[in-house]
PDB file of N, CA and C in Angstrom:
ATOM      1  N   MET A   1     -23.075  76.631 -27.060  1.00  0.00           N
ATOM      2  CA  MET A   1     -21.362  76.370 -27.139  1.00  0.00           C
ATOM      3  C   MET A   1     -21.255  76.074 -25.711  1.00  0.00           C
ATOM      4  N   GLN A   2     -19.967  75.196 -25.624  1.00  0.00           N
ATOM      5  CA  GLN A   2     -19.596  74.923 -24.413  1.00  0.00           C
ATOM      6  C   GLN A   2     -18.755  75.732 -23.642  1.00  0.00           C
ATOM      7  N   HIS A   3     -18.843  75.674 -22.517  1.00  0.00           N
ATOM      8  CA  HIS A   3     -17.806  76.416 -21.787  1.00  0.00           C
ATOM      9  C   HIS A   3     -16.658  75.410 -20.613  1.00  0.00           C
ATOM     10  N   ALA A   4     -15.515  75.602 -20.662  1.00  0.00           N
ATOM     11  CA  ALA A   4     -14.738  74.993 -20.361  1.00  0.00           C
ATOM     12  C   ALA A   4     -14.539  74.687 -18.684  1.00  0.00           C
ATOM     13  N   HIS A   5     -14.576  73.957 -17.966  1.00  0.00           N
ATOM     14  CA  HIS A   5     -14.516  74.155 -16.414  1.00  0.00           C
ATOM     15  C   HIS A   5     -13.067  73.493 -15.948  1.00  0.00           C
ATOM     16  N   PRO A   6     -13.227  73.740 -14.707  1.00  0.00           N
ATOM     17  CA  PRO A   6     -12.339  72.953 -14.155  1.00  0.00           C
ATOM     18  C   PRO A   6     -12.128  71.570 -14.220  1.00  0.00           C
ATOM     19  N   THR A   7     -11.101  70.405 -14.157  1.00  0.00           N
ATOM     20  CA  THR A   7     -11.571  69.118 -14.080  1.00  0.00           C
ATOM     21  C   THR A   7     -11.773  68.732 -12.761  1.00  0.00           C
ATOM     22  N   SER A   8     -12.172  68.039 -12.185  1.00  0.00           N
ATOM     23  CA  SER A   8     -11.818  67.086 -10.766  1.00  0.00           C
ATOM     24  C   SER A   8     -11.078  67.182 -10.353  1.00  0.00           C
ATOM     25  N   THR A   9     -10.345  67.178  -9.567  1.00  0.00           N
ATOM     26  CA  THR A   9      -9.311  66.553  -8.700  1.00  0.00           C
ATOM     27  C   THR A   9      -8.996  65.337  -8.513  1.00  0.00           C
ATOM     28  N   ARG A  10     -10.226  64.820  -8.052  1.00  0.00           N
ATOM     29  CA  ARG A  10      -9.796  63.466  -8.010  1.00  0.00           C
ATOM     30  C   ARG A  10      -9.325  62.871  -9.717  1.00  0.00           C
ATOM     31  N   PHE A  11     -10.237  63.061 -10.972  1.00  0.00           N
ATOM     32  CA  PHE A  11     -10.204  62.929 -12.046  1.00  0.00           C
ATOM     33  C   PHE A  11      -8.374  62.532 -12.329  1.00  0.00           C
ATOM     34  N   THR A  12      -8.111  64.168 -11.931  1.00  0.00           N
ATOM     35  CA  THR A  12      -6.245  64.417 -12.634  1.00  0.00           C
ATOM     36  C   THR A  12      -5.591  63.638 -11.820  1.00  0.00           C
ATOM     37  N   THR A  13      -5.866  63.865 -10.438  1.00  0.00           N
ATOM     38  CA  THR A  13      -5.020  62.470  -9.534  1.00  0.00           C
ATOM     39  C   THR A  13      -4.780  61.107 -10.234  1.00  0.00           C
ATOM     40  N   VAL A  14      -6.180  60.375 -10.336  1.00  0.00           N
ATOM     41  CA  VAL A  14      -5.413  59.417 -10.951  1.00  0.00           C
ATOM     42  C   VAL A  14      -5.283  59.715 -12.190  1.00  0.00           C
ATOM     43  N   VAL A  15      -5.850  60.366 -13.297  1.00  0.00           N
ATOM     44  CA  VAL A  15      -4.808  60.127 -14.224  1.00  0.00           C
ATOM     45  C   VAL A  15      -3.447  60.678 -14.295  1.00  0.00           C
ATOM     46  N   LYS A  16      -3.342  61.287 -13.085  1.00  0.00           N
ATOM     47  CA  LYS A  16      -1.716  61.589 -12.845  1.00  0.00           C
ATOM     48  C   LYS A  16      -1.069  60.181 -12.537  1.00  0.00           C
ATOM     49  N   LYS A  17      -1.505  59.361 -11.639  1.00  0.00           N
ATOM     50  CA  LYS A  17      -1.432  58.267 -11.071  1.00  0.00           C
ATOM     51  C   LYS A  17      -1.383  56.948 -11.931  1.00  0.00           C
ATOM     52  N   VAL A  18      -2.173  57.354 -12.544  1.00  0.00           N
ATOM     53  CA  VAL A  18      -1.553  55.949 -13.642  1.00  0.00           C
ATOM     54  C   VAL A  18      -0.817  55.915 -14.893  1.00  0.00           C
ATOM     55  N   ALA A  19      -0.426  57.293 -15.081  1.00  0.00           N
ATOM     56  CA  ALA A  19       0.283  57.697 -16.340  1.00  0.00           C
ATOM     57  C   ALA A  19       1.474  57.862 -15.635  1.00  0.00           C
ATOM     58  N   ALA A  20       1.537  58.023 -14.254  1.00  0.00           N
ATOM     59  CA  ALA A  20       3.165  57.454 -14.138  1.00  0.00           C
ATOM     60  C   ALA A  20       3.534  56.523 -13.916  1.00  0.00           C
ATOM     61  N   ALA A  21       2.654  55.704 -13.518  1.00  0.00           N
ATOM     62  CA  ALA A  21       3.214  53.683 -13.409  1.00  0.00           C
ATOM     63  C   ALA A  21       3.531  53.457 -14.748  1.00  0.00           C
ATOM     64  N   ALA A  22       2.231  53.831 -15.620  1.00  0.00           N
ATOM     65  CA  ALA A  22       2.566  53.255 -17.304  1.00  0.00           C
ATOM     66  C   ALA A  22       3.602  53.891 -17.938  1.00  0.00           C
ATOM     67  N   SER A  23       4.336  54.765 -17.198  1.00  0.00           N
ATOM     68  CA  SER A  23       5.384  55.825 -18.185  1.00  0.00           C
ATOM     69  C   SER A  23       6.490  54.967 -17.906  1.00  0.00           C
ATOM     70  N   GLU A  24       7.616  54.543 -18.665  1.00  0.00           N
ATOM     71  CA  GLU A  24       8.850  53.938 -19.252  1.00  0.00           C
ATOM     72  C   GLU A  24       9.898  54.650 -19.061  1.00  0.00           C
ATOM     73  N   PRO A  25      10.656  55.037 -18.089  1.00  0.00           N
ATOM     74  CA  PRO A  25      10.502  54.214 -16.527  1.00  0.00           C
ATOM     75  C   PRO A  25       8.956  54.994 -15.906  1.00  0.00           C
ATOM     76  N   PRO A  26       9.266  54.506 -15.337  1.00  0.00           N
ATOM     77  CA  PRO A  26       7.493  55.154 -14.047  1.00  0.00           C
ATOM     78  C   PRO A  26       8.537  56.379 -13.219  1.00  0.00           C
ATOM     79  N   VAL A  27       7.355  57.214 -13.012  1.00  0.00           N
ATOM     80  CA  VAL A  27       7.792  58.857 -12.349  1.00  0.00           C
ATOM     81  C   VAL A  27       7.181  58.636 -11.097  1.00  0.00           C
ATOM     82  N   ASP A  28       7.461  59.753 -10.671  1.00  0.00           N
ATOM     83  CA  ASP A  28       6.218  60.047  -8.817  1.00  0.00           C
ATOM     84  C   ASP A  28       5.666  61.061  -9.721  1.00  0.00           C
ATOM     85  N   PRO A  29       4.197  60.237  -9.054  1.00  0.00           N
ATOM     86  CA  PRO A  29       2.672  61.638  -9.482  1.00  0.00           C
ATOM     87  C   PRO A  29       2.769  62.115  -9.179  1.00  0.00           C
ATOM     88  N   ASP A  30       3.152  62.627  -7.916  1.00  0.00           N
ATOM     89  CA  ASP A  30       3.420  64.067  -7.555  1.00  0.00           C
ATOM     90  C   ASP A  30       3.728  65.384  -7.926  1.00  0.00           C
ATOM     91  N   GLY A  31       5.130  64.588  -8.688  1.00  0.00           N
ATOM     92  CA  GLY A  31       5.230  65.554  -9.372  1.00  0.00           C
ATOM     93  C   GLY A  31       5.203  66.234 -10.659  1.00  0.00           C
ATOM     94  N   LEU A  32       4.348  65.556 -11.034  1.00  0.00           N
ATOM     95  CA  LEU A  32       3.558  65.946 -12.321  1.00  0.00           C
ATOM     96  C   LEU A  32       2.569  67.406 -12.420  1.00  0.00           C
ATOM     97  N   ARG A  33       2.752  68.040 -13.714  1.00  0.00           N
ATOM     98  CA  ARG A  33       1.660  69.315 -13.914  1.00  0.00           C
ATOM     99  C   ARG A  33       0.620  68.809 -14.398  1.00  0.00           C
ATOM    100  N   ASP A  34      -0.855  69.087 -14.452  1.00  0.00           N
ATOM    101  CA  ASP A  34      -1.735  69.054 -15.303  1.00  0.00           C
ATOM    102  C   ASP A  34      -1.343  69.205 -16.404  1.00  0.00           C
ATOM    103  N   ASP A  35      -0.520  69.966 -17.013  1.00  0.00           N
ATOM    104  CA  ASP A  35      -0.029  70.247 -18.126  1.00  0.00           C
ATOM    105  C   ASP A  35       1.044  69.430 -19.118  1.00  0.00           C
ATOM    106  N   GLU A  36       1.262  68.392 -17.921  1.00  0.00           N
ATOM    107  CA  GLU A  36       2.583  67.467 -18.330  1.00  0.00           C
ATOM    108  C   GLU A  36       2.585  67.204 -19.613  1.00  0.00           C
ATOM    109  N   PRO A  37       3.696  67.045 -20.529  1.00  0.00           N
ATOM    110  CA  PRO A  37       3.038  66.576 -21.981  1.00  0.00           C
ATOM    111  C   PRO A  37       3.466  64.625 -21.316  1.00  0.00           C
ATOM    112  N   LEU A  38       2.292  63.930 -22.254  1.00  0.00           N
ATOM    113  CA  LEU A  38       2.158  62.827 -21.891  1.00  0.00           C
ATOM    114  C   LEU A  38       3.588  61.833 -22.884  1.00  0.00           C
ATOM    115  N   ASN A  39       4.469  62.714 -23.713  1.00  0.00           N
ATOM    116  CA  ASN A  39       5.241  62.541 -23.855  1.00  0.00           C
ATOM    117  C   ASN A  39       6.571  63.059 -24.177  1.00  0.00           C
ATOM    118  N   GLY A  40       7.016  63.410 -22.880  1.00  0.00           N
ATOM    119  CA  GLY A  40       8.020  64.486 -22.576  1.00  0.00           C
ATOM    120  C   GLY A  40       9.604  64.382 -21.955  1.00  0.00           C
ATOM    121  N   ASP A  41       9.933  65.042 -21.365  1.00  0.00           N
ATOM    122  CA  ASP A  41      10.909  64.494 -20.700  1.00  0.00           C
ATOM    123  C   ASP A  41      10.703  64.007 -19.211  1.00  0.00           C
ATOM    124  N   ARG A  42       9.703  64.028 -18.969  1.00  0.00           N
ATOM    125  CA  ARG A  42       8.967  63.514 -17.744  1.00  0.00           C
ATOM    126  C   ARG A  42       8.097  62.048 -18.460  1.00  0.00           C
ATOM    127  N   LEU A  43       7.236  61.975 -18.957  1.00  0.00           N
ATOM    128  CA  LEU A  43       6.491  61.001 -18.936  1.00  0.00           C
ATOM    129  C   LEU A  43       6.641  60.483 -20.437  1.00  0.00           C
ATOM    130  N   ASN A  44       6.782  58.856 -20.818  1.00  0.00           N
ATOM    131  CA  ASN A  44       6.967  58.893 -21.720  1.00  0.00           C
ATOM    132  C   ASN A  44       6.119  57.575 -22.173  1.00  0.00           C
ATOM    133  N   ILE A  45       4.845  58.138 -22.579  1.00  0.00           N
ATOM    134  CA  ILE A  45       3.321  57.445 -22.813  1.00  0.00           C
ATOM    135  C   ILE A  45       3.544  57.604 -24.436  1.00  0.00           C
ATOM    136  N   ASN A  46       3.447  56.710 -24.595  1.00  0.00           N
ATOM    137  CA  ASN A  46       3.093  56.441 -26.490  1.00  0.00           C
ATOM    138  C   ASN A  46       1.801  55.709 -26.264  1.00  0.00           C
ATOM    139  N   SER A  47       1.266  55.516 -28.010  1.00  0.00           N
ATOM    140  CA  SER A  47       0.193  55.697 -28.430  1.00  0.00           C
ATOM    141  C   SER A  47      -0.439  54.046 -27.682  1.00  0.00           C
ATOM    142  N   LEU A  48       0.259  52.755 -28.141  1.00  0.00           N
ATOM    143  CA  LEU A  48      -0.091  51.945 -27.292  1.00  0.00           C
ATOM    144  C   LEU A  48      -0.254  51.637 -26.077  1.00  0.00           C
ATOM    145  N   THR A  49       0.725  52.453 -25.036  1.00  0.00           N
ATOM    146  CA  THR A  49       0.816  52.528 -24.000  1.00  0.00           C
ATOM    147  C   THR A  49      -0.528  53.450 -23.063  1.00  0.00           C
ATOM    148  N   LEU A  50      -0.888  54.137 -24.066  1.00  0.00           N
ATOM    149  CA  LEU A  50      -2.441  55.235 -24.137  1.00  0.00           C
ATOM    150  C   LEU A  50      -3.774  54.508 -23.657  1.00  0.00           C
ATOM    151  N   ILE A  51      -3.500  53.201 -24.800  1.00  0.00           N
ATOM    152  CA  ILE A  51      -4.912  52.589 -24.649  1.00  0.00           C
ATOM    153  C   ILE A  51      -4.636  51.733 -23.010  1.00  0.00           C
ATOM    154  N   SER A  52      -3.839  50.891 -23.050  1.00  0.00           N
ATOM    155  CA  SER A  52      -3.686  50.824 -21.731  1.00  0.00           C
ATOM    156  C   SER A  52      -3.840  51.423 -20.658  1.00  0.00           C
ATOM    157  N   LEU A  53      -3.263  52.557 -20.600  1.00  0.00           N
ATOM    158  CA  LEU A  53      -3.824  53.226 -19.371  1.00  0.00           C
ATOM    159  C   LEU A  53      -5.218  54.242 -19.241  1.00  0.00           C
ATOM    160  N   LEU A  54      -5.874  54.310 -20.804  1.00  0.00           N
ATOM    161  CA  LEU A  54      -7.438  54.268 -20.712  1.00  0.00           C
ATOM    162  C   LEU A  54      -8.351  53.277 -20.380  1.00  0.00           C
ATOM    163  N   VAL A  55      -7.540  51.893 -20.328  1.00  0.00           N
ATOM    164  CA  VAL A  55      -8.493  50.985 -19.852  1.00  0.00           C
ATOM    165  C   VAL A  55      -7.885  50.718 -18.549  1.00  0.00           C
ATOM    166  N   GLN A  56      -6.932  51.429 -17.587  1.00  0.00           N
ATOM    167  CA  GLN A  56      -6.188  51.680 -16.284  1.00  0.00           C
ATOM    168  C   GLN A  56      -7.105  52.409 -15.558  1.00  0.00           C
ATOM    169  N   ILE A  57      -7.690  53.686 -16.430  1.00  0.00           N
ATOM    170  CA  ILE A  57      -8.185  54.605 -15.587  1.00  0.00           C
ATOM    171  C   ILE A  57      -9.704  54.367 -15.604  1.00  0.00           C
ATOM    172  N   GLU A  58     -10.568  53.924 -16.506  1.00  0.00           N
ATOM    173  CA  GLU A  58     -11.603  53.014 -16.507  1.00  0.00           C
ATOM    174  C   GLU A  58     -11.858  52.424 -15.462  1.00  0.00           C
ATOM    175  N   GLU A  59     -10.961  51.351 -14.825  1.00  0.00           N
ATOM    176  CA  GLU A  59     -11.132  50.806 -13.751  1.00  0.00           C
ATOM    177  C   GLU A  59     -11.093  51.522 -12.418  1.00  0.00           C
ATOM    178  N   GLU A  60     -10.257  52.651 -12.547  1.00  0.00           N
ATOM    179  CA  GLU A  60      -9.780  52.965 -11.261  1.00  0.00           C
ATOM    180  C   GLU A  60     -10.930  53.966 -10.970  1.00  0.00           C
ATOM    181  N   THR A  61     -11.713  54.700 -12.066  1.00  0.00           N
ATOM    182  CA  THR A  61     -12.873  55.537 -11.892  1.00  0.00           C
ATOM    183  C   THR A  61     -13.840  54.822 -11.542  1.00  0.00           C
ATOM    184  N   GLY A  62     -14.655  54.260 -12.693  1.00  0.00           N
ATOM    185  CA  GLY A  62     -15.465  53.645 -12.586  1.00  0.00           C
ATOM    186  C   GLY A  62     -16.332  53.869 -13.867  1.00  0.00           C
ATOM    187  N   VAL A  63     -15.803  54.954 -14.907  1.00  0.00           N
ATOM    188  CA  VAL A  63     -16.229  55.884 -15.356  1.00  0.00           C
ATOM    189  C   VAL A  63     -16.101  55.285 -16.788  1.00  0.00           C
ATOM    190  N   PHE A  64     -17.258  54.788 -17.657  1.00  0.00           N
ATOM    191  CA  PHE A  64     -16.551  54.232 -18.954  1.00  0.00           C
ATOM    192  C   PHE A  64     -16.476  55.187 -20.355  1.00  0.00           C
ATOM    193  N   LEU A  65     -15.074  55.205 -20.818  1.00  0.00           N
ATOM    194  CA  LEU A  65     -14.762  55.813 -21.739  1.00  0.00           C
ATOM    195  C   LEU A  65     -15.521  55.637 -23.307  1.00  0.00           C
ATOM    196  N   SER A  66     -16.516  55.973 -23.739  1.00  0.00           N
ATOM    197  CA  SER A  66     -16.754  55.260 -25.283  1.00  0.00           C
ATOM    198  C   SER A  66     -16.244  55.650 -26.303  1.00  0.00           C
ATOM    199  N   ASP A  67     -15.741  54.824 -26.929  1.00  0.00           N
ATOM    200  CA  ASP A  67     -14.677  55.288 -28.491  1.00  0.00           C
ATOM    201  C   ASP A  67     -15.115  56.602 -29.040  1.00  0.00           C
ATOM    202  N   GLU A  68     -16.730  56.847 -29.143  1.00  0.00           N
ATOM    203  CA  GLU A  68     -17.308  58.199 -29.730  1.00  0.00           C
ATOM    204  C   GLU A  68     -16.602  59.194 -28.628  1.00  0.00           C
ATOM    205  N   LEU A  69     -16.112  59.411 -27.847  1.00  0.00           N
ATOM    206  CA  LEU A  69     -15.543  60.686 -27.383  1.00  0.00           C
ATOM    207  C   LEU A  69     -13.719  60.753 -28.039  1.00  0.00           C
ATOM    208  N   PHE A  70     -13.320  59.960 -28.387  1.00  0.00           N
ATOM    209  CA  PHE A  70     -11.570  59.970 -28.720  1.00  0.00           C
ATOM    210  C   PHE A  70     -11.847  59.985 -30.218  1.00  0.00           C
ATOM    211  N   VAL A  71     -13.158  60.254 -31.328  1.00  0.00           N
ATOM    212  CA  VAL A  71     -13.282  60.719 -32.466  1.00  0.00           C
ATOM    213  C   VAL A  71     -12.426  62.337 -32.836  1.00  0.00           C
ATOM    214  N   GLY A  72     -11.276  62.403 -33.478  1.00  0.00           N
ATOM    215  CA  GLY A  72     -11.042  63.883 -33.863  1.00  0.00           C
ATOM    216  C   GLY A  72     -10.591  64.284 -32.380  1.00  0.00           C
ATOM    217  N   ARG A  73      -9.851  63.754 -31.966  1.00  0.00           N
ATOM    218  CA  ARG A  73      -9.194  64.246 -30.472  1.00  0.00           C
ATOM    219  C   ARG A  73      -7.686  63.965 -30.428  1.00  0.00           C
ATOM    220  N   SER A  74      -7.055  64.702 -29.766  1.00  0.00           N
ATOM    221  CA  SER A  74      -5.871  64.268 -29.617  1.00  0.00           C
ATOM    222  C   SER A  74      -5.123  64.524 -28.297  1.00  0.00           C
ATOM    223  N   PHE A  75      -4.311  63.722 -27.696  1.00  0.00           N
ATOM    224  CA  PHE A  75      -4.253  63.958 -26.528  1.00  0.00           C
ATOM    225  C   PHE A  75      -2.672  63.807 -26.171  1.00  0.00           C
ATOM    226  N   THR A  76      -2.435  65.135 -25.642  1.00  0.00           N
ATOM    227  CA  THR A  76      -0.771  65.120 -25.355  1.00  0.00           C
ATOM    228  C   THR A  76      -0.406  65.821 -24.175  1.00  0.00           C
ATOM    229  N   THR A  77      -1.486  66.123 -23.013  1.00  0.00           N
ATOM    230  CA  THR A  77      -1.257  66.076 -22.024  1.00  0.00           C
ATOM    231  C   THR A  77      -1.969  65.487 -20.837  1.00  0.00           C
ATOM    232  N   VAL A  78      -1.470  65.409 -19.450  1.00  0.00           N
ATOM    233  CA  VAL A  78      -2.325  64.809 -18.592  1.00  0.00           C
ATOM    234  C   VAL A  78      -3.676  65.397 -18.200  1.00  0.00           C
ATOM    235  N   ALA A  79      -4.088  67.127 -18.711  1.00  0.00           N
ATOM    236  CA  ALA A  79      -5.178  67.479 -18.465  1.00  0.00           C
ATOM    237  C   ALA A  79      -6.218  67.203 -19.443  1.00  0.00           C
ATOM    238  N   ASP A  80      -5.526  66.592 -20.928  1.00  0.00           N
ATOM    239  CA  ASP A  80      -6.258  66.011 -22.029  1.00  0.00           C
ATOM    240  C   ASP A  80      -7.192  64.827 -21.446  1.00  0.00           C
ATOM    241  N   ILE A  81      -6.852  64.220 -20.958  1.00  0.00           N
ATOM    242  CA  ILE A  81      -7.163  62.679 -20.681  1.00  0.00           C
ATOM    243  C   ILE A  81      -8.418  62.921 -19.338  1.00  0.00           C
ATOM    244  N   ALA A  82      -7.624  63.741 -18.602  1.00  0.00           N
ATOM    245  CA  ALA A  82      -8.465  64.161 -16.965  1.00  0.00           C
ATOM    246  C   ALA A  82     -10.110  64.745 -17.618  1.00  0.00           C
ATOM    247  N   ALA A  83      -9.900  65.851 -18.910  1.00  0.00           N
ATOM    248  CA  ALA A  83     -10.760  66.134 -19.085  1.00  0.00           C
ATOM    249  C   ALA A  83     -11.551  65.368 -19.937  1.00  0.00           C
ATOM    250  N   ILE A  84     -11.330  64.149 -20.420  1.00  0.00           N
ATOM    251  CA  ILE A  84     -12.448  63.571 -20.896  1.00  0.00           C
ATOM    252  C   ILE A  84     -13.356  62.260 -19.887  1.00  0.00           C
ATOM    253  N   VAL A  85     -12.305  61.726 -19.518  1.00  0.00           N
ATOM    254  CA  VAL A  85     -13.118  61.116 -17.809  1.00  0.00           C
ATOM    255  C   VAL A  85     -13.738  62.055 -17.314  1.00  0.00           C
ATOM    256  N   GLU A  86     -13.425  63.551 -17.274  1.00  0.00           N
ATOM    257  CA  GLU A  86     -14.830  64.662 -16.631  1.00  0.00           C
ATOM    258  C   GLU A  86     -15.938  64.287 -17.392  1.00  0.00           C
ATOM    259  N   GLN A  87     -15.955  64.459 -18.707  1.00  0.00           N
ATOM    260  CA  GLN A  87     -16.418  64.648 -19.108  1.00  0.00           C
ATOM    261  C   GLN A  87     -17.164  63.096 -19.741  1.00  0.00           C
ATOM    262  N   SER A  88     -17.066  62.212 -19.798  1.00  0.00           N
ATOM    263  CA  SER A  88     -17.877  60.623 -19.610  1.00  0.00           C
ATOM    264  C   SER A  88     -18.370  60.601 -18.471  1.00  0.00           C
ATOM    265  N   SER A  89     -17.675  61.208 -17.159  1.00  0.00           N
ATOM    266  CA  SER A  89     -18.889  61.308 -15.826  1.00  0.00           C
ATOM    267  C   SER A  89     -19.577  61.847 -15.936  1.00  0.00           C
ATOM    268  N   GLU A  90     -19.806  63.100 -16.252  1.00  0.00           N
ATOM    269  CA  GLU A  90     -21.398  63.884 -16.812  1.00  0.00           C
ATOM    270  C   GLU A  90     -21.908  63.031 -17.617  1.00  0.00           C
ATOM    271  N   ALA A  91     -21.519  62.659 -18.482  1.00  0.00           N
ATOM    272  CA  ALA A  91     -22.253  62.024 -19.437  1.00  0.00           C
ATOM    273  C   ALA A  91     -23.193  60.928 -19.074  1.00  0.00           C
ATOM    274  N   ALA A  92     -22.466  60.257 -18.587  1.00  0.00           N
ATOM    275  CA  ALA A  92     -23.114  59.439 -18.016  1.00  0.00           C
ATOM    276  C   ALA A  92     -24.063  59.369 -16.374  1.00  0.00           C
ATOM    277  N   ALA A  93     -23.674  60.708 -15.803  1.00  0.00           N
ATOM    278  CA  ALA A  93     -24.754  60.918 -14.609  1.00  0.00           C
ATOM    279  C   ALA A  93     -26.359  61.304 -15.124  1.00  0.00           C
TER     280      ALA A  93
END
């Protein structure tokens, strides 16, 4: 059984920054919560925008996000994306 653990602040910060810039219209990343919905009142990230967001996160963090990590998962919050980056980082270590 896997135990949940806090996601790295570094990854969460990068996800917030990239998501805020990718949102239409862009928003201030400092005002985003970890549980901020990707497609809610503040962020407007649709499925197409999510793809480019993930590519940007890979570039910013240097963490490769394998396609297999996305099978059967849904991403509704900033924390969901930060967790997958954390998992990918740990798998590469």
